[in-house]
C-alpha atoms as a PDB file:
ATOM      1  CA  MET A   1       0.000   0.000   0.000  1.00  0.00           C
ATOM      2  CA  VAL A   2       1.132   3.530  -0.800  1.00  0.00           C
ATOM      3  CA  VAL A   3       1.903   5.830   2.124  1.00  0.00           C
ATOM      4  CA  ALA A   4       0.769   9.264   0.939  1.00  0.00           C
ATOM      5  CA  VAL A   5       0.795  12.730   2.465  1.00  0.00           C
ATOM      6  CA  ALA A   6      -1.777  14.142   0.037  1.00  0.00           C
ATOM      7  CA  LEU A   7      -4.304  12.961  -2.536  1.00  0.00           C
ATOM      8  CA  TRP A   8      -6.074  14.705  -5.347  1.00  0.00           C
ATOM      9  CA  TYR A   9      -8.479  13.721  -8.070  1.00  0.00           C
ATOM     10  CA  HIS A  10      -7.559  15.045 -11.494  1.00  0.00           C
ATOM     11  CA  GLY A  11      -8.826  14.086 -14.932  1.00  0.00           C
ATOM     12  CA  GLY A  12     -10.638  10.988 -13.702  1.00  0.00           C
ATOM     13  CA  LYS A  13      -7.540   9.642 -11.907  1.00  0.00           C
ATOM     14  CA  TRP A  14      -6.415   9.611  -8.305  1.00  0.00           C
ATOM     15  CA  ILE A  15      -2.934  11.010  -7.732  1.00  0.00           C
ATOM     16  CA  ALA A  16      -0.973  10.468  -4.509  1.00  0.00           C
ATOM     17  CA  LYS A  17       2.001  12.461  -3.292  1.00  0.00           C
ATOM     18  CA  LYS A  18       4.317  10.325  -1.189  1.00  0.00           C
ATOM     19  CA  ALA A  19       6.333  11.539   1.785  1.00  0.00           C
ATOM     20  CA  ASP A  20       9.529  11.595  -0.312  1.00  0.00           C
ATOM     21  CA  GLY A  21       7.925  14.046  -2.767  1.00  0.00           C
ATOM     22  CA  GLN A  22       7.257  11.569  -5.559  1.00  0.00           C
ATOM     23  CA  VAL A  23       3.875  11.643  -7.280  1.00  0.00           C
ATOM     24  CA  GLN A  24       2.141   8.543  -8.608  1.00  0.00           C
ATOM     25  CA  GLU A  25      -1.228   7.456  -9.931  1.00  0.00           C
ATOM     26  CA  ILE A  26      -3.191   5.077  -7.690  1.00  0.00           C
ATOM     27  CA  THR A  27      -6.407   3.093  -8.016  1.00  0.00           C
ATOM     28  CA  GLU A  28      -9.739   4.314  -6.680  1.00  0.00           C
ATOM     29  CA  ASP A  29      -9.774   1.541  -4.055  1.00  0.00           C
ATOM     30  CA  ALA A  30      -6.318   2.594  -2.795  1.00  0.00           C
ATOM     31  CA  ALA A  31      -7.462   6.242  -2.725  1.00  0.00           C
ATOM     32  CA  ASN A  32     -10.562   5.321  -0.695  1.00  0.00           C
ATOM     33  CA  ALA A  33      -8.411   3.383   1.764  1.00  0.00           C
ATOM     34  CA  LEU A  34      -6.040   6.351   2.154  1.00  0.00           C
ATOM     35  CA  ILE A  35      -8.961   8.753   2.625  1.00  0.00           C
ATOM     36  CA  GLN A  36     -10.388   6.503   5.371  1.00  0.00           C
ATOM     37  CA  ALA A  37      -6.924   6.434   6.977  1.00  0.00           C
ATOM     38  CA  GLY A  38      -7.018  10.252   7.193  1.00  0.00           C
ATOM     39  CA  THR A  39      -4.904  11.314   4.221  1.00  0.00           C
ATOM     40  CA  PRO A  40      -5.950  14.828   3.168  1.00  0.00           C
ATOM     41  CA  VAL A  41      -7.519  15.366  -0.251  1.00  0.00           C
ATOM     42  CA  VAL A  42      -6.492  18.636  -1.893  1.00  0.00           C
ATOM     43  CA  ASP A  43      -8.802  20.566  -4.202  1.00  0.00           C
ATOM     44  CA  ALA A  44      -6.303  21.414  -6.938  1.00  0.00           C
ATOM     45  CA  ILE A  45      -3.222  19.766  -8.325  1.00  0.00           C
ATOM     46  CA  THR A  46      -1.258  22.942  -7.685  1.00  0.00           C
ATOM     47  CA  GLU A  47      -1.689  22.512  -3.942  1.00  0.00           C
ATOM     48  CA  GLY A  48       0.024  19.141  -4.082  1.00  0.00           C
ATOM     49  CA  LEU A  49       2.802  20.320  -6.373  1.00  0.00           C
ATOM     50  CA  SER A  50       3.491  23.718  -4.809  1.00  0.00           C
ATOM     51  CA  GLU A  51       6.775  22.554  -3.297  1.00  0.00           C
ATOM     52  CA  ALA A  52       8.002  21.215  -6.634  1.00  0.00           C
ATOM     53  CA  VAL A  53       7.039  24.429  -8.416  1.00  0.00           C
ATOM     54  CA  SER A  54       8.743  26.497  -5.720  1.00  0.00           C
ATOM     55  CA  GLU A  55      11.908  24.404  -6.022  1.00  0.00           C
ATOM     56  CA  LEU A  56      11.833  24.747  -9.816  1.00  0.00           C
ATOM     57  CA  GLY A  57      11.521  28.520  -9.410  1.00  0.00           C
ATOM     58  CA  ASP A  58      14.523  28.591  -7.080  1.00  0.00           C
ATOM     59  CA  VAL A  59      16.602  26.533  -9.510  1.00  0.00           C
ATOM     60  CA  THR A  60      15.586  28.779 -12.415  1.00  0.00           C
ATOM     61  CA  LEU A  61      16.446  31.910 -10.443  1.00  0.00           C
ATOM     62  CA  GLY A  62      19.828  30.426  -9.546  1.00  0.00           C
ATOM     63  CA  LEU A  63      20.451  29.615 -13.208  1.00  0.00           C
ATOM     64  CA  ILE A  64      19.588  33.160 -14.297  1.00  0.00           C
ATOM     65  CA  LYS A  65      21.781  34.675 -11.585  1.00  0.00           C
ATOM     66  CA  GLY A  66      24.646  32.369 -12.540  1.00  0.00           C
ATOM     67  CA  ALA A  67      24.290  33.241 -16.237  1.00  0.00           C
ATOM     68  CA  GLY A  68      24.279  36.961 -15.428  1.00  0.00           C
ATOM     69  CA  ILE A  69      27.407  36.671 -13.310  1.00  0.00           C
ATOM     70  CA  ALA A  70      29.111  34.584 -16.007  1.00  0.00           C
ATOM     71  CA  LEU A  71      28.195  37.186 -18.645  1.00  0.00           C
ATOM     72  CA  VAL A  72      29.600  40.063 -16.597  1.00  0.00           C
ATOM     73  CA  GLU A  73      32.780  38.139 -15.816  1.00  0.00           C
ATOM     74  CA  GLY A  74      33.134  37.160 -19.482  1.00  0.00           C
ATOM     75  CA  VAL A  75      32.827  40.769 -20.611  1.00  0.00           C
ATOM     76  CA  GLY A  76      35.388  41.812 -17.998  1.00  0.00           C
ATOM     77  CA  ASP A  77      37.797  39.069 -19.046  1.00  0.00           C
ATOM     78  CA  THR A  78      37.372  39.998 -22.720  1.00  0.00           C
ATOM     79  CA  TYR A  79      38.095  43.654 -21.961  1.00  0.00           C
ATOM     80  CA  ASP A  80      41.197  42.665 -19.976  1.00  0.00           C
ATOM     81  CA  TYR A  81      42.417  40.443 -22.817  1.00  0.00           C
ATOM     82  CA  VAL A  82      41.904  43.089 -25.502  1.00  0.00           C
ATOM     83  CA  SER A  83      43.440  45.747 -23.276  1.00  0.00           C
ATOM     84  CA  ASP A  84      46.505  43.580 -22.645  1.00  0.00           C
ATOM     85  CA  ARG A  85      46.875  42.830 -26.364  1.00  0.00           C
ATOM     86  CA  LEU A  86      46.600  46.517 -27.303  1.00  0.00           C
ATOM     87  CA  ALA A  87      48.776  47.826 -24.464  1.00  0.00           C
ATOM     88  CA  PRO A  88      51.978  48.016 -26.552  1.00  0.00           C
ATOM     89  CA  HIS A  89      50.052  49.735 -29.363  1.00  0.00           C
ATOM     90  CA  ARG A  90      47.736  51.893 -27.269  1.00  0.00           C
ATOM     91  CA  VAL A  91      48.983  55.263 -28.571  1.00  0.00           C
ATOM     92  CA  ASP A  92      48.749  54.068 -32.172  1.00  0.00           C
ATOM     93  CA  ALA A  93      45.286  52.599 -31.636  1.00  0.00           C
ATOM     94  CA  VAL A  94      43.965  55.816 -30.079  1.00  0.00           C
ATOM     95  CA  ALA A  95      45.515  57.959 -32.820  1.00  0.00           C
ATOM     96  CA  ILE A  96      44.062  55.752 -35.575  1.00  0.00           C
ATOM     97  CA  THR A  97      40.628  55.713 -33.917  1.00  0.00           C
ATOM     98  CA  TRP A  98      40.516  59.512 -33.632  1.00  0.00           C
ATOM     99  CA  SER A  99      41.771  59.870 -37.199  1.00  0.00           C
ATOM    100  CA  LEU A 100      38.992  57.608 -38.459  1.00  0.00           C
ATOM    101  CA  ILE A 101      36.410  59.583 -36.494  1.00  0.00           C
ATOM    102  CA  ILE A 102      37.660  62.912 -37.895  1.00  0.00           C
ATOM    103  CA  TYR A 103      37.886  61.546 -41.459  1.00  0.00           C
ATOM    104  CA  SER A 104      34.374  60.082 -41.201  1.00  0.00           C
ATOM    105  CA  LEU A 105      32.896  63.339 -39.896  1.00  0.00           C
ATOM    106  CA  THR A 106      34.679  65.304 -42.625  1.00  0.00           C
ATOM    107  CA  ALA A 107      33.409  62.964 -45.350  1.00  0.00           C
ATOM    108  CA  TYR A 108      29.877  63.139 -43.915  1.00  0.00           C
ATOM    109  CA  THR A 109      29.997  66.948 -43.850  1.00  0.00           C
ATOM    110  CA  ILE A 110      31.284  67.162 -47.426  1.00  0.00           C
ATOM    111  CA  MET A 111      28.642  64.710 -48.665  1.00  0.00           C
ATOM    112  CA  ASN A 112      25.849  66.671 -46.967  1.00  0.00           C
ATOM    113  CA  ARG A 113      27.070  69.983 -48.448  1.00  0.00           C
ATOM    114  CA  VAL A 114      27.319  68.463 -51.933  1.00  0.00           C
ATOM    115  CA  ARG A 115      23.852  66.926 -51.578  1.00  0.00           C
ATOM    116  CA  ASN A 116      22.294  70.184 -50.297  1.00  0.00           C
ATOM    117  CA  SER A 117      23.850  72.445 -52.941  1.00  0.00           C
END
């Protein structure tokens, strides 16, 4: 006989939640015997599974937190790597970047003046 901590009737079937948290389908005769023994019958399946849903939520939250931390650490490590690789060429890289910005703005200005004239 199944030792259950809760019973519920769902979709024409009796479902029992055991003390170890496992859920299994049982016969109507077994359900009647458990009800006579004093096992509570819950009204909705969510009442019997609330602990499992809560645990799933905690695991999901932990996964999201872990992914966020990993993303931030990955971005930081990538920045450190690129910074270390560019360190010997930092002055050149900054000069080239500013040159490209100035050249791009100049070309944009010239194109707009030609287009508007």
